[in-house]
C-alpha atoms as a PDB file:
ATOM      1  CA  MET A   1      83.039  88.124  92.199  1.00  0.00           C
ATOM      2  CA  ASP A   2      83.341  86.280  95.458  1.00  0.00           C
ATOM      3  CA  PHE A   3      83.388  88.494  98.500  1.00  0.00           C
ATOM      4  CA  GLU A   4      82.589  85.770 101.033  1.00  0.00           C
ATOM      5  CA  ASP A   5      82.631  87.627 104.349  1.00  0.00           C
ATOM      6  CA  ASP A   6      84.914  90.456 103.277  1.00  0.00           C
ATOM      7  CA  LEU A   7      82.690  93.500 103.659  1.00  0.00           C
ATOM      8  CA  GLU A   8      85.698  95.805 103.278  1.00  0.00           C
ATOM      9  CA  ALA A   9      86.532  94.432  99.814  1.00  0.00           C
ATOM     10  CA  LEU A  10      82.887  94.753  98.867  1.00  0.00           C
ATOM     11  CA  GLU A  11      82.807  98.403  99.947  1.00  0.00           C
ATOM     12  CA  LYS A  12      86.018  99.107  98.036  1.00  0.00           C
ATOM     13  CA  THR A  13      84.636  97.556  94.853  1.00  0.00           C
ATOM     14  CA  LEU A  14      81.390  99.475  95.308  1.00  0.00           C
ATOM     15  CA  PHE A  15      83.326 102.742  95.600  1.00  0.00           C
ATOM     16  CA  GLU A  16      85.435 101.948  92.516  1.00  0.00           C
ATOM     17  CA  THR A  17      82.322 101.071  90.524  1.00  0.00           C
ATOM     18  CA  THR A  18      80.664 104.329  91.561  1.00  0.00           C
ATOM     19  CA  GLN A  19      83.721 106.293  90.464  1.00  0.00           C
ATOM     20  CA  ARG A  20      83.821 104.482  87.114  1.00  0.00           C
ATOM     21  CA  ILE A  21      80.131 105.201  86.516  1.00  0.00           C
ATOM     22  CA  LYS A  22      80.732 108.870  87.294  1.00  0.00           C
ATOM     23  CA  LYS A  23      83.629 109.066  84.806  1.00  0.00           C
ATOM     24  CA  LEU A  24      81.659 107.360  82.054  1.00  0.00           C
ATOM     25  CA  GLU A  25      78.667 109.646  82.629  1.00  0.00           C
ATOM     26  CA  GLU A  26      80.963 112.679  82.365  1.00  0.00           C
ATOM     27  CA  HIS A  27      82.431 111.288  79.147  1.00  0.00           C
ATOM     28  CA  LYS A  28      78.955 110.650  77.773  1.00  0.00           C
ATOM     29  CA  GLU A  29      77.973 114.227  78.575  1.00  0.00           C
ATOM     30  CA  SER A  30      81.007 115.604  76.718  1.00  0.00           C
ATOM     31  CA  VAL A  31      80.339 113.354  73.710  1.00  0.00           C
ATOM     32  CA  ASN A  32      76.718 114.519  73.585  1.00  0.00           C
ATOM     33  CA  LYS A  33      77.946 118.112  73.649  1.00  0.00           C
ATOM     34  CA  GLU A  34      80.323 117.421  70.763  1.00  0.00           C
ATOM     35  CA  LEU A  35      77.470 115.812  68.851  1.00  0.00           C
ATOM     36  CA  ARG A  36      75.239 118.847  69.382  1.00  0.00           C
ATOM     37  CA  GLU A  37      78.032 121.169  68.263  1.00  0.00           C
ATOM     38  CA  GLY A  38      78.759 119.048  65.189  1.00  0.00           C
ATOM     39  CA  LYS A  39      82.482 118.823  65.953  1.00  0.00           C
ATOM     40  CA  PHE A  40      82.993 115.232  64.837  1.00  0.00           C
ATOM     41  CA  ASP A  41      81.687 112.671  62.388  1.00  0.00           C
ATOM     42  CA  ASN A  42      78.245 111.499  63.526  1.00  0.00           C
ATOM     43  CA  ASN A  43      79.080 107.837  62.859  1.00  0.00           C
ATOM     44  CA  THR A  44      82.081 107.991  65.175  1.00  0.00           C
ATOM     45  CA  ILE A  45      80.120 109.792  67.883  1.00  0.00           C
ATOM     46  CA  THR A  46      77.175 107.408  67.522  1.00  0.00           C
ATOM     47  CA  GLU A  47      79.438 104.389  67.991  1.00  0.00           C
ATOM     48  CA  THR A  48      81.094 106.008  71.004  1.00  0.00           C
ATOM     49  CA  LEU A  49      77.699 106.725  72.570  1.00  0.00           C
ATOM     50  CA  ARG A  50      76.549 103.163  71.918  1.00  0.00           C
ATOM     51  CA  ARG A  51      79.610 101.789  73.706  1.00  0.00           C
ATOM     52  CA  LEU A  52      79.250 104.234  76.575  1.00  0.00           C
ATOM     53  CA  GLU A  53      75.612 103.240  77.036  1.00  0.00           C
ATOM     54  CA  ARG A  54      76.497  99.546  77.024  1.00  0.00           C
ATOM     55  CA  ASN A  55      79.315 100.042  79.533  1.00  0.00           C
ATOM     56  CA  LEU A  56      77.147 102.195  81.782  1.00  0.00           C
ATOM     57  CA  ASP A  57      74.374  99.610  81.680  1.00  0.00           C
ATOM     58  CA  GLU A  58      76.800  96.874  82.729  1.00  0.00           C
ATOM     59  CA  LEU A  59      78.243  99.026  85.516  1.00  0.00           C
ATOM     60  CA  HIS A  60      74.778  99.863  86.830  1.00  0.00           C
ATOM     61  CA  LYS A  61      73.985  96.136  86.965  1.00  0.00           C
ATOM     62  CA  LYS A  62      77.250  95.510  88.795  1.00  0.00           C
ATOM     63  CA  TYR A  63      76.460  98.349  91.198  1.00  0.00           C
ATOM     64  CA  GLU A  64      73.025  96.895  91.971  1.00  0.00           C
ATOM     65  CA  PHE A  65      74.587  93.485  92.577  1.00  0.00           C
ATOM     66  CA  LEU A  66      77.176  94.975  94.921  1.00  0.00           C
ATOM     67  CA  ILE A  67      74.520  96.861  96.884  1.00  0.00           C
ATOM     68  CA  LYS A  68      72.501  93.654  97.331  1.00  0.00           C
ATOM     69  CA  GLU A  69      75.609  91.766  98.417  1.00  0.00           C
ATOM     70  CA  ARG A  70      76.576  94.491 100.877  1.00  0.00           C
ATOM     71  CA  ASP A  71      73.077  94.663 102.315  1.00  0.00           C
ATOM     72  CA  SER A  72      72.861  90.890 102.719  1.00  0.00           C
ATOM     73  CA  LYS A  73      76.286  90.795 104.382  1.00  0.00           C
ATOM     74  CA  SER A  74      75.346  93.659 106.689  1.00  0.00           C
ATOM     75  CA  SER A  75      72.123  91.889 107.637  1.00  0.00           C
ATOM     76  CA  SER A  76      73.968  88.643 108.258  1.00  0.00           C
ATOM     77  CA  SER A  77      76.545  90.284 110.488  1.00  0.00           C
ATOM     78  CA  GLN A  78      73.847  91.827 112.682  1.00  0.00           C
ATOM     79  CA  LEU A  79      72.387  88.435 113.584  1.00  0.00           C
END
């Protein structure tokens, strides 16, 4: 990702990432509920949870990167 001096694009990507994290966390919650209720095959649910965890981990890393970029750009623009 190369945001150069485009703080607006950075903010937009940050918002989109936050929304994606929220959706994945909601999905994870529903999958955990299904697992507790025994509605589906445990192997299928386990694989789904593994993928959700991996995707959430990657999105959290991206989110942290975006926050650092935004903060550094905000600091630079105040000079």
